[in-house]
Amino acid sequence: NGIILFTTPNEEDMSINEVCCPECNTIFHRHGHVRIFSVDSLVNL
């Protein structure tokens, strides 16, 4: 009956924070986000 509390971005548009490494040309999220959540997807998970 313990409580778990999460916060996360809501339906984030990952493309807004995409950056490209000038050394290897890898595209990644500026803040290291690798997944997107909505209310439904977080509840389901």
ModelCIF file with pLDDT and N, C-alpha, C, O atoms, coordinates in Angstrom:
data_MODEL
#
_entry.id   MODEL 
#
_entity.id                         1 
_entity.type                       polymer 
_entity.pdbx_number_of_molecules   1 
#
_entity_poly.entity_id                      1 
_entity_poly.type                           'polypeptide(L)' 
_entity_poly.nstd_linkage                   no 
_entity_poly.nstd_monomer                   no 
_entity_poly.pdbx_seq_one_letter_code       NGIILFTTPNEEDMSINEVCCPECNTIFHRHGHVRIFSVDSLVNL 
_entity_poly.pdbx_seq_one_letter_code_can   NGIILFTTPNEEDMSINEVCCPECNTIFHRHGHVRIFSVDSLVNL 
_entity_poly.pdbx_strand_id                 A 
#
loop_
_entity_poly_seq.entity_id 
_entity_poly_seq.num 
_entity_poly_seq.mon_id 
_entity_poly_seq.hetero 
1 1  ASN n 
1 2  GLY n 
1 3  ILE n 
1 4  ILE n 
1 5  LEU n 
1 6  PHE n 
1 7  THR n 
1 8  THR n 
1 9  PRO n 
1 10 ASN n 
1 11 GLU n 
1 12 GLU n 
1 13 ASP n 
1 14 MET n 
1 15 SER n 
1 16 ILE n 
1 17 ASN n 
1 18 GLU n 
1 19 VAL n 
1 20 CYS n 
1 21 CYS n 
1 22 PRO n 
1 23 GLU n 
1 24 CYS n 
1 25 ASN n 
1 26 THR n 
1 27 ILE n 
1 28 PHE n 
1 29 HIS n 
1 30 ARG n 
1 31 HIS n 
1 32 GLY n 
1 33 HIS n 
1 34 VAL n 
1 35 ARG n 
1 36 ILE n 
1 37 PHE n 
1 38 SER n 
1 39 VAL n 
1 40 ASP n 
1 41 SER n 
1 42 LEU n 
1 43 VAL n 
1 44 ASN n 
1 45 LEU n 
#
_struct_asym.id          A 
_struct_asym.entity_id   1 
#
loop_
_ma_qa_metric.id 
_ma_qa_metric.mode 
_ma_qa_metric.name 
_ma_qa_metric.software_group_id 
_ma_qa_metric.type 
1 global pLDDT . pLDDT 
2 local  pLDDT . pLDDT 
#
_ma_qa_metric_global.metric_id      1 
_ma_qa_metric_global.metric_value   92.98 
_ma_qa_metric_global.model_id       1 
_ma_qa_metric_global.ordinal_id     1 
#
loop_
_ma_qa_metric_local.label_asym_id 
_ma_qa_metric_local.label_comp_id 
_ma_qa_metric_local.label_seq_id 
_ma_qa_metric_local.metric_id 
_ma_qa_metric_local.metric_value 
_ma_qa_metric_local.model_id 
_ma_qa_metric_local.ordinal_id 
A ASN 1  2 92.00 1 1  
A GLY 2  2 93.00 1 2  
A ILE 3  2 93.00 1 3  
A ILE 4  2 94.00 1 4  
A LEU 5  2 93.00 1 5  
A PHE 6  2 93.00 1 6  
A THR 7  2 91.00 1 7  
A THR 8  2 94.00 1 8  
A PRO 9  2 94.00 1 9  
A ASN 10 2 94.00 1 10 
A GLU 11 2 93.00 1 11 
A GLU 12 2 92.00 1 12 
A ASP 13 2 91.00 1 13 
A MET 14 2 90.00 1 14 
A SER 15 2 91.00 1 15 
A ILE 16 2 90.00 1 16 
A ASN 17 2 90.00 1 17 
A GLU 18 2 90.00 1 18 
A VAL 19 2 91.00 1 19 
A CYS 20 2 91.00 1 20 
A CYS 21 2 88.00 1 21 
A PRO 22 2 88.00 1 22 
A GLU 23 2 92.00 1 23 
A CYS 24 2 92.00 1 24 
A ASN 25 2 92.00 1 25 
A THR 26 2 91.00 1 26 
A ILE 27 2 91.00 1 27 
A PHE 28 2 90.00 1 28 
A HIS 29 2 91.00 1 29 
A ARG 30 2 91.00 1 30 
A HIS 31 2 91.00 1 31 
A GLY 32 2 93.00 1 32 
A HIS 33 2 95.00 1 33 
A VAL 34 2 95.00 1 34 
A ARG 35 2 95.00 1 35 
A ILE 36 2 95.00 1 36 
A PHE 37 2 97.00 1 37 
A SER 38 2 96.00 1 38 
A VAL 39 2 95.00 1 39 
A ASP 40 2 97.00 1 40 
A SER 41 2 97.00 1 41 
A LEU 42 2 98.00 1 42 
A VAL 43 2 98.00 1 43 
A ASN 44 2 98.00 1 44 
A LEU 45 2 98.00 1 45 
#
loop_
_atom_site.group_PDB 
_atom_site.id 
_atom_site.type_symbol 
_atom_site.label_atom_id 
_atom_site.label_alt_id 
_atom_site.label_comp_id 
_atom_site.label_asym_id 
_atom_site.label_entity_id 
_atom_site.label_seq_id 
_atom_site.pdbx_PDB_ins_code 
_atom_site.Cartn_x 
_atom_site.Cartn_y 
_atom_site.Cartn_z 
_atom_site.occupancy 
_atom_site.B_iso_or_equiv 
_atom_site.pdbx_formal_charge 
_atom_site.auth_seq_id 
_atom_site.auth_comp_id 
_atom_site.auth_asym_id 
_atom_site.auth_atom_id 
_atom_site.pdbx_PDB_model_num 
ATOM 1   N N  . ASN A 1 1  ? 0.809  -1.219 0.000   1.00 92.00 ? 1  ASN A N  1 
ATOM 2   C CA . ASN A 1 1  ? 0.000  0.000  0.000   1.00 92.00 ? 1  ASN A CA 1 
ATOM 3   C C  . ASN A 1 1  ? 0.842  1.270  0.000   1.00 92.00 ? 1  ASN A C  1 
ATOM 4   O O  . ASN A 1 1  ? 0.308  2.366  0.171   1.00 92.00 ? 1  ASN A O  1 
ATOM 5   N N  . GLY A 1 2  ? 2.165  1.134  -0.191  1.00 93.00 ? 2  GLY A N  1 
ATOM 6   C CA . GLY A 1 2  ? 3.031  2.300  -0.299  1.00 93.00 ? 2  GLY A CA 1 
ATOM 7   C C  . GLY A 1 2  ? 2.712  3.079  -1.566  1.00 93.00 ? 2  GLY A C  1 
ATOM 8   O O  . GLY A 1 2  ? 2.084  2.557  -2.487  1.00 93.00 ? 2  GLY A O  1 
ATOM 9   N N  . ILE A 1 3  ? 3.145  4.319  -1.604  1.00 93.00 ? 3  ILE A N  1 
ATOM 10  C CA . ILE A 1 3  ? 2.815  5.233  -2.692  1.00 93.00 ? 3  ILE A CA 1 
ATOM 11  C C  . ILE A 1 3  ? 4.036  5.464  -3.564  1.00 93.00 ? 3  ILE A C  1 
ATOM 12  O O  . ILE A 1 3  ? 5.146  5.665  -3.071  1.00 93.00 ? 3  ILE A O  1 
ATOM 13  N N  . ILE A 1 4  ? 3.807  5.431  -4.874  1.00 94.00 ? 4  ILE A N  1 
ATOM 14  C CA . ILE A 1 4  ? 4.863  5.769  -5.830  1.00 94.00 ? 4  ILE A CA 1 
ATOM 15  C C  . ILE A 1 4  ? 4.403  6.993  -6.605  1.00 94.00 ? 4  ILE A C  1 
ATOM 16  O O  . ILE A 1 4  ? 3.252  7.075  -7.032  1.00 94.00 ? 4  ILE A O  1 
ATOM 17  N N  . LEU A 1 5  ? 5.312  7.940  -6.781  1.00 93.00 ? 5  LEU A N  1 
ATOM 18  C CA . LEU A 1 5  ? 4.998  9.177  -7.466  1.00 93.00 ? 5  LEU A CA 1 
ATOM 19  C C  . LEU A 1 5  ? 6.042  9.413  -8.551  1.00 93.00 ? 5  LEU A C  1 
ATOM 20  O O  . LEU A 1 5  ? 7.243  9.401  -8.283  1.00 93.00 ? 5  LEU A O  1 
ATOM 21  N N  . PHE A 1 6  ? 5.571  9.629  -9.779  1.00 93.00 ? 6  PHE A N  1 
ATOM 22  C CA . PHE A 1 6  ? 6.433  9.929  -10.916 1.00 93.00 ? 6  PHE A CA 1 
ATOM 23  C C  . PHE A 1 6  ? 6.052  11.276 -11.495 1.00 93.00 ? 6  PHE A C  1 
ATOM 24  O O  . PHE A 1 6  ? 4.880  11.654 -11.485 1.00 93.00 ? 6  PHE A O  1 
ATOM 25  N N  . THR A 1 7  ? 7.043  12.005 -12.001 1.00 91.00 ? 7  THR A N  1 
ATOM 26  C CA . THR A 1 7  ? 6.782  13.139 -12.873 1.00 91.00 ? 7  THR A CA 1 
ATOM 27  C C  . THR A 1 7  ? 7.616  12.929 -14.127 1.00 91.00 ? 7  THR A C  1 
ATOM 28  O O  . THR A 1 7  ? 8.698  12.344 -14.077 1.00 91.00 ? 7  THR A O  1 
ATOM 29  N N  . THR A 1 8  ? 7.105  13.408 -15.241 1.00 94.00 ? 8  THR A N  1 
ATOM 30  C CA . THR A 1 8  ? 7.782  13.236 -16.531 1.00 94.00 ? 8  THR A CA 1 
ATOM 31  C C  . THR A 1 8  ? 7.172  14.222 -17.522 1.00 94.00 ? 8  THR A C  1 
ATOM 32  O O  . THR A 1 8  ? 6.060  14.698 -17.294 1.00 94.00 ? 8  THR A O  1 
ATOM 33  N N  . PRO A 1 9  ? 7.858  14.539 -18.602 1.00 94.00 ? 9  PRO A N  1 
ATOM 34  C CA . PRO A 1 9  ? 7.226  15.372 -19.625 1.00 94.00 ? 9  PRO A CA 1 
ATOM 35  C C  . PRO A 1 9  ? 5.964  14.694 -20.183 1.00 94.00 ? 9  PRO A C  1 
ATOM 36  O O  . PRO A 1 9  ? 5.880  13.468 -20.248 1.00 94.00 ? 9  PRO A O  1 
ATOM 37  N N  . ASN A 1 10 ? 5.011  15.500 -20.571 1.00 94.00 ? 10 ASN A N  1 
ATOM 38  C CA . ASN A 1 10 ? 3.731  15.024 -21.089 1.00 94.00 ? 10 ASN A CA 1 
ATOM 39  C C  . ASN A 1 10 ? 3.700  15.170 -22.607 1.00 94.00 ? 10 ASN A C  1 
ATOM 40  O O  . ASN A 1 10 ? 3.725  16.281 -23.137 1.00 94.00 ? 10 ASN A O  1 
ATOM 41  N N  . GLU A 1 11 ? 3.646  14.030 -23.299 1.00 93.00 ? 11 GLU A N  1 
ATOM 42  C CA . GLU A 1 11 ? 3.547  14.004 -24.752 1.00 93.00 ? 11 GLU A CA 1 
ATOM 43  C C  . GLU A 1 11 ? 4.564  14.954 -25.395 1.00 93.00 ? 11 GLU A C  1 
ATOM 44  O O  . GLU A 1 11 ? 4.232  15.759 -26.264 1.00 93.00 ? 11 GLU A O  1 
ATOM 45  N N  . GLU A 1 12 ? 5.779  14.834 -24.947 1.00 92.00 ? 12 GLU A N  1 
ATOM 46  C CA . GLU A 1 12 ? 6.866  15.692 -25.420 1.00 92.00 ? 12 GLU A CA 1 
ATOM 47  C C  . GLU A 1 12 ? 7.120  15.500 -26.911 1.00 92.00 ? 12 GLU A C  1 
ATOM 48  O O  . GLU A 1 12 ? 7.102  14.375 -27.410 1.00 92.00 ? 12 GLU A O  1 
ATOM 49  N N  . ASP A 1 13 ? 7.353  16.593 -27.612 1.00 91.00 ? 13 ASP A N  1 
ATOM 50  C CA . ASP A 1 13 ? 7.785  16.534 -29.009 1.00 91.00 ? 13 ASP A CA 1 
ATOM 51  C C  . ASP A 1 13 ? 9.305  16.406 -28.975 1.00 91.00 ? 13 ASP A C  1 
ATOM 52  O O  . ASP A 1 13 ? 10.015 17.403 -28.837 1.00 91.00 ? 13 ASP A O  1 
ATOM 53  N N  . MET A 1 14 ? 9.797  15.185 -29.100 1.00 90.00 ? 14 MET A N  1 
ATOM 54  C CA . MET A 1 14 ? 11.228 14.914 -28.972 1.00 90.00 ? 14 MET A CA 1 
ATOM 55  C C  . MET A 1 14 ? 12.046 15.654 -30.032 1.00 90.00 ? 14 MET A C  1 
ATOM 56  O O  . MET A 1 14 ? 13.209 15.982 -29.796 1.00 90.00 ? 14 MET A O  1 
ATOM 57  N N  . SER A 1 15 ? 11.455 15.917 -31.188 1.00 91.00 ? 15 SER A N  1 
ATOM 58  C CA . SER A 1 15 ? 12.219 16.550 -32.272 1.00 91.00 ? 15 SER A CA 1 
ATOM 59  C C  . SER A 1 15 ? 12.658 17.970 -31.918 1.00 91.00 ? 15 SER A C  1 
ATOM 60  O O  . SER A 1 15 ? 13.649 18.461 -32.459 1.00 91.00 ? 15 SER A O  1 
ATOM 61  N N  . ILE A 1 16 ? 11.943 18.624 -31.031 1.00 90.00 ? 16 ILE A N  1 
ATOM 62  C CA . ILE A 1 16 ? 12.296 19.992 -30.646 1.00 90.00 ? 16 ILE A CA 1 
ATOM 63  C C  . ILE A 1 16 ? 13.674 20.047 -29.987 1.00 90.00 ? 16 ILE A C  1 
ATOM 64  O O  . ILE A 1 16 ? 14.398 21.031 -30.139 1.00 90.00 ? 16 ILE A O  1 
ATOM 65  N N  . ASN A 1 17 ? 14.034 18.995 -29.260 1.00 90.00 ? 17 ASN A N  1 
ATOM 66  C CA . ASN A 1 17 ? 15.302 18.973 -28.540 1.00 90.00 ? 17 ASN A CA 1 
ATOM 67  C C  . ASN A 1 17 ? 16.343 18.044 -29.158 1.00 90.00 ? 17 ASN A C  1 
ATOM 68  O O  . ASN A 1 17 ? 17.285 17.630 -28.483 1.00 90.00 ? 17 ASN A O  1 
ATOM 69  N N  . GLU A 1 18 ? 16.176 17.716 -30.436 1.00 90.00 ? 18 GLU A N  1 
ATOM 70  C CA . GLU A 1 18 ? 17.183 16.888 -31.099 1.00 90.00 ? 18 GLU A CA 1 
ATOM 71  C C  . GLU A 1 18 ? 18.416 17.717 -31.417 1.00 90.00 ? 18 GLU A C  1 
ATOM 72  O O  . GLU A 1 18 ? 18.319 18.855 -31.876 1.00 90.00 ? 18 GLU A O  1 
ATOM 73  N N  . VAL A 1 19 ? 19.568 17.131 -31.166 1.00 91.00 ? 19 VAL A N  1 
ATOM 74  C CA . VAL A 1 19 ? 20.838 17.754 -31.530 1.00 91.00 ? 19 VAL A CA 1 
ATOM 75  C C  . VAL A 1 19 ? 21.691 16.699 -32.236 1.00 91.00 ? 19 VAL A C  1 
ATOM 76  O O  . VAL A 1 19 ? 21.452 15.497 -32.119 1.00 91.00 ? 19 VAL A O  1 
ATOM 77  N N  . CYS A 1 20 ? 22.670 17.176 -32.956 1.00 91.00 ? 20 CYS A N  1 
ATOM 78  C CA . CYS A 1 20 ? 23.541 16.269 -33.701 1.00 91.00 ? 20 CYS A CA 1 
ATOM 79  C C  . CYS A 1 20 ? 24.966 16.431 -33.197 1.00 91.00 ? 20 CYS A C  1 
ATOM 80  O O  . CYS A 1 20 ? 25.471 17.548 -33.089 1.00 91.00 ? 20 CYS A O  1 
ATOM 81  N N  . CYS A 1 21 ? 25.602 15.327 -32.894 1.00 88.00 ? 21 CYS A N  1 
ATOM 82  C CA . CYS A 1 21 ? 27.004 15.337 -32.478 1.00 88.00 ? 21 CYS A CA 1 
ATOM 83  C C  . CYS A 1 21 ? 27.862 15.673 -33.698 1.00 88.00 ? 21 CYS A C  1 
ATOM 84  O O  . CYS A 1 21 ? 27.770 14.995 -34.721 1.00 88.00 ? 21 CYS A O  1 
ATOM 85  N N  . PRO A 1 22 ? 28.694 16.712 -33.601 1.00 88.00 ? 22 PRO A N  1 
ATOM 86  C CA . PRO A 1 22 ? 29.518 17.082 -34.758 1.00 88.00 ? 22 PRO A CA 1 
ATOM 87  C C  . PRO A 1 22 ? 30.636 16.078 -35.055 1.00 88.00 ? 22 PRO A C  1 
ATOM 88  O O  . PRO A 1 22 ? 31.198 16.076 -36.150 1.00 88.00 ? 22 PRO A O  1 
ATOM 89  N N  . GLU A 1 23 ? 30.953 15.234 -34.086 1.00 92.00 ? 23 GLU A N  1 
ATOM 90  C CA . GLU A 1 23 ? 32.023 14.247 -34.278 1.00 92.00 ? 23 GLU A CA 1 
ATOM 91  C C  . GLU A 1 23 ? 31.544 13.004 -35.032 1.00 92.00 ? 23 GLU A C  1 
ATOM 92  O O  . GLU A 1 23 ? 32.196 12.536 -35.965 1.00 92.00 ? 23 GLU A O  1 
ATOM 93  N N  . CYS A 1 24 ? 30.377 12.476 -34.601 1.00 92.00 ? 24 CYS A N  1 
ATOM 94  C CA . CYS A 1 24 ? 29.928 11.194 -35.170 1.00 92.00 ? 24 CYS A CA 1 
ATOM 95  C C  . CYS A 1 24 ? 28.604 11.281 -35.923 1.00 92.00 ? 24 CYS A C  1 
ATOM 96  O O  . CYS A 1 24 ? 28.134 10.288 -36.479 1.00 92.00 ? 24 CYS A O  1 
ATOM 97  N N  . ASN A 1 25 ? 28.003 12.475 -35.941 1.00 92.00 ? 25 ASN A N  1 
ATOM 98  C CA . ASN A 1 25 ? 26.731 12.715 -36.626 1.00 92.00 ? 25 ASN A CA 1 
ATOM 99  C C  . ASN A 1 25 ? 25.554 11.953 -36.020 1.00 92.00 ? 25 ASN A C  1 
ATOM 100 O O  . ASN A 1 25 ? 24.531 11.770 -36.681 1.00 92.00 ? 25 ASN A O  1 
ATOM 101 N N  . THR A 1 26 ? 25.689 11.510 -34.772 1.00 91.00 ? 26 THR A N  1 
ATOM 102 C CA . THR A 1 26 ? 24.583 10.854 -34.088 1.00 91.00 ? 26 THR A CA 1 
ATOM 103 C C  . THR A 1 26 ? 23.580 11.908 -33.632 1.00 91.00 ? 26 THR A C  1 
ATOM 104 O O  . THR A 1 26 ? 23.953 12.939 -33.073 1.00 91.00 ? 26 THR A O  1 
ATOM 105 N N  . ILE A 1 27 ? 22.311 11.634 -33.879 1.00 91.00 ? 27 ILE A N  1 
ATOM 106 C CA . ILE A 1 27 ? 21.253 12.535 -33.420 1.00 91.00 ? 27 ILE A CA 1 
ATOM 107 C C  . ILE A 1 27 ? 20.738 11.991 -32.093 1.00 91.00 ? 27 ILE A C  1 
ATOM 108 O O  . ILE A 1 27 ? 20.445 10.802 -31.964 1.00 91.00 ? 27 ILE A O  1 
ATOM 109 N N  . PHE A 1 28 ? 20.634 12.884 -31.109 1.00 90.00 ? 28 PHE A N  1 
ATOM 110 C CA . PHE A 1 28 ? 20.155 12.479 -29.793 1.00 90.00 ? 28 PHE A CA 1 
ATOM 111 C C  . PHE A 1 28 ? 19.380 13.622 -29.164 1.00 90.00 ? 28 PHE A C  1 
ATOM 112 O O  . PHE A 1 28 ? 19.424 14.755 -29.645 1.00 90.00 ? 28 PHE A O  1 
ATOM 113 N N  . HIS A 1 29 ? 18.669 13.318 -28.084 1.00 91.00 ? 29 HIS A N  1 
ATOM 114 C CA . HIS A 1 29 ? 17.881 14.309 -27.361 1.00 91.00 ? 29 HIS A CA 1 
ATOM 115 C C  . HIS A 1 29 ? 18.802 15.115 -26.456 1.00 91.00 ? 29 HIS A C  1 
ATOM 116 O O  . HIS A 1 29 ? 19.592 14.545 -25.703 1.00 91.00 ? 29 HIS A O  1 
ATOM 117 N N  . ARG A 1 30 ? 18.707 16.385 -26.525 1.00 91.00 ? 30 ARG A N  1 
ATOM 118 C CA . ARG A 1 30 ? 19.553 17.310 -25.767 1.00 91.00 ? 30 ARG A CA 1 
ATOM 119 C C  . ARG A 1 30 ? 19.613 16.976 -24.272 1.00 91.00 ? 30 ARG A C  1 
ATOM 120 O O  . ARG A 1 30 ? 20.650 17.177 -23.641 1.00 91.00 ? 30 ARG A O  1 
ATOM 121 N N  . HIS A 1 31 ? 18.525 16.473 -23.703 1.00 91.00 ? 31 HIS A N  1 
ATOM 122 C CA . HIS A 1 31 ? 18.463 16.177 -22.272 1.00 91.00 ? 31 HIS A CA 1 
ATOM 123 C C  . HIS A 1 31 ? 18.529 14.672 -21.983 1.00 91.00 ? 31 HIS A C  1 
ATOM 124 O O  . HIS A 1 31 ? 18.394 14.250 -20.835 1.00 91.00 ? 31 HIS A O  1 
ATOM 125 N N  . GLY A 1 32 ? 18.735 13.880 -23.018 1.00 93.00 ? 32 GLY A N  1 
ATOM 126 C CA . GLY A 1 32 ? 18.872 12.439 -22.826 1.00 93.00 ? 32 GLY A CA 1 
ATOM 127 C C  . GLY A 1 32 ? 17.559 11.681 -22.708 1.00 93.00 ? 32 GLY A C  1 
ATOM 128 O O  . GLY A 1 32 ? 17.546 10.541 -22.244 1.00 93.00 ? 32 GLY A O  1 
ATOM 129 N N  . HIS A 1 33 ? 16.459 12.293 -23.118 1.00 95.00 ? 33 HIS A N  1 
ATOM 130 C CA . HIS A 1 33 ? 15.180 11.585 -23.073 1.00 95.00 ? 33 HIS A CA 1 
ATOM 131 C C  . HIS A 1 33 ? 15.148 10.514 -24.158 1.00 95.00 ? 33 HIS A C  1 
ATOM 132 O O  . HIS A 1 33 ? 15.562 10.755 -25.292 1.00 95.00 ? 33 HIS A O  1 
ATOM 133 N N  . VAL A 1 34 ? 14.658 9.339  -23.804 1.00 95.00 ? 34 VAL A N  1 
ATOM 134 C CA . VAL A 1 34 ? 14.590 8.236  -24.767 1.00 95.00 ? 34 VAL A CA 1 
ATOM 135 C C  . VAL A 1 34 ? 13.174 7.700  -24.948 1.00 95.00 ? 34 VAL A C  1 
ATOM 136 O O  . VAL A 1 34 ? 12.947 6.809  -25.766 1.00 95.00 ? 34 VAL A O  1 
ATOM 137 N N  . ARG A 1 35 ? 12.218 8.240  -24.187 1.00 95.00 ? 35 ARG A N  1 
ATOM 138 C CA . ARG A 1 35 ? 10.832 7.772  -24.304 1.00 95.00 ? 35 ARG A CA 1 
ATOM 139 C C  . ARG A 1 35 ? 9.874  8.924  -24.054 1.00 95.00 ? 35 ARG A C  1 
ATOM 140 O O  . ARG A 1 35 ? 10.207 9.907  -23.392 1.00 95.00 ? 35 ARG A O  1 
ATOM 141 N N  . ILE A 1 36 ? 8.686  8.778  -24.597 1.00 95.00 ? 36 ILE A N  1 
ATOM 142 C CA . ILE A 1 36 ? 7.623  9.777  -24.481 1.00 95.00 ? 36 ILE A CA 1 
ATOM 143 C C  . ILE A 1 36 ? 6.459  9.143  -23.726 1.00 95.00 ? 36 ILE A C  1 
ATOM 144 O O  . ILE A 1 36 ? 6.128  7.978  -23.945 1.00 95.00 ? 36 ILE A O  1 
ATOM 145 N N  . PHE A 1 37 ? 5.843  9.915  -22.841 1.00 97.00 ? 37 PHE A N  1 
ATOM 146 C CA . PHE A 1 37 ? 4.675  9.425  -22.110 1.00 97.00 ? 37 PHE A CA 1 
ATOM 147 C C  . PHE A 1 37 ? 3.475  10.335 -22.310 1.00 97.00 ? 37 PHE A C  1 
ATOM 148 O O  . PHE A 1 37 ? 3.596  11.553 -22.439 1.00 97.00 ? 37 PHE A O  1 
ATOM 149 N N  . SER A 1 38 ? 2.310  9.693  -22.331 1.00 96.00 ? 38 SER A N  1 
ATOM 150 C CA . SER A 1 38 ? 1.017  10.363 -22.243 1.00 96.00 ? 38 SER A CA 1 
ATOM 151 C C  . SER A 1 38 ? 0.379  9.809  -20.972 1.00 96.00 ? 38 SER A C  1 
ATOM 152 O O  . SER A 1 38 ? 0.915  8.889  -20.354 1.00 96.00 ? 38 SER A O  1 
ATOM 153 N N  . VAL A 1 39 ? -0.745 10.360 -20.591 1.00 95.00 ? 39 VAL A N  1 
ATOM 154 C CA . VAL A 1 39 ? -1.452 9.816  -19.425 1.00 95.00 ? 39 VAL A CA 1 
ATOM 155 C C  . VAL A 1 39 ? -1.693 8.327  -19.628 1.00 95.00 ? 39 VAL A C  1 
ATOM 156 O O  . VAL A 1 39 ? -1.397 7.526  -18.741 1.00 95.00 ? 39 VAL A O  1 
ATOM 157 N N  . ASP A 1 40 ? -2.228 7.946  -20.787 1.00 97.00 ? 40 ASP A N  1 
ATOM 158 C CA . ASP A 1 40 ? -2.561 6.543  -21.042 1.00 97.00 ? 40 ASP A CA 1 
ATOM 159 C C  . ASP A 1 40 ? -1.335 5.636  -21.031 1.00 97.00 ? 40 ASP A C  1 
ATOM 160 O O  . ASP A 1 40 ? -1.363 4.555  -20.441 1.00 97.00 ? 40 ASP A O  1 
ATOM 161 N N  . SER A 1 41 ? -0.251 6.080  -21.690 1.00 97.00 ? 41 SER A N  1 
ATOM 162 C CA . SER A 1 41 ? 0.917  5.197  -21.761 1.00 97.00 ? 41 SER A CA 1 
ATOM 163 C C  . SER A 1 41 ? 1.589  5.030  -20.397 1.00 97.00 ? 41 SER A C  1 
ATOM 164 O O  . SER A 1 41 ? 2.103  3.954  -20.091 1.00 97.00 ? 41 SER A O  1 
ATOM 165 N N  . LEU A 1 42 ? 1.590  6.079  -19.579 1.00 98.00 ? 42 LEU A N  1 
ATOM 166 C CA . LEU A 1 42 ? 2.185  5.963  -18.245 1.00 98.00 ? 42 LEU A CA 1 
ATOM 167 C C  . LEU A 1 42 ? 1.321  5.073  -17.347 1.00 98.00 ? 42 LEU A C  1 
ATOM 168 O O  . LEU A 1 42 ? 1.844  4.217  -16.633 1.00 98.00 ? 42 LEU A O  1 
ATOM 169 N N  . VAL A 1 43 ? 0.023  5.272  -17.383 1.00 98.00 ? 43 VAL A N  1 
ATOM 170 C CA . VAL A 1 43 ? -0.884 4.417  -16.599 1.00 98.00 ? 43 VAL A CA 1 
ATOM 171 C C  . VAL A 1 43 ? -0.740 2.964  -17.043 1.00 98.00 ? 43 VAL A C  1 
ATOM 172 O O  . VAL A 1 43 ? -0.644 2.070  -16.202 1.00 98.00 ? 43 VAL A O  1 
ATOM 173 N N  . ASN A 1 44 ? -0.724 2.716  -18.355 1.00 98.00 ? 44 ASN A N  1 
ATOM 174 C CA . ASN A 1 44 ? -0.589 1.342  -18.861 1.00 98.00 ? 44 ASN A CA 1 
ATOM 175 C C  . ASN A 1 44 ? 0.708  0.697  -18.400 1.00 98.00 ? 44 ASN A C  1 
ATOM 176 O O  . ASN A 1 44 ? 0.710  -0.456 -17.968 1.00 98.00 ? 44 ASN A O  1 
ATOM 177 N N  . LEU A 1 45 ? 1.817  1.437  -18.489 1.00 98.00 ? 45 LEU A N  1 
ATOM 178 C CA . LEU A 1 45 ? 3.104  0.897  -18.067 1.00 98.00 ? 45 LEU A CA 1 
ATOM 179 C C  . LEU A 1 45 ? 3.081  0.539  -16.584 1.00 98.00 ? 45 LEU A C  1 
ATOM 180 O O  . LEU A 1 45 ? 4.083  0.067  -16.047 1.00 98.00 ? 45 LEU A O  1 
#
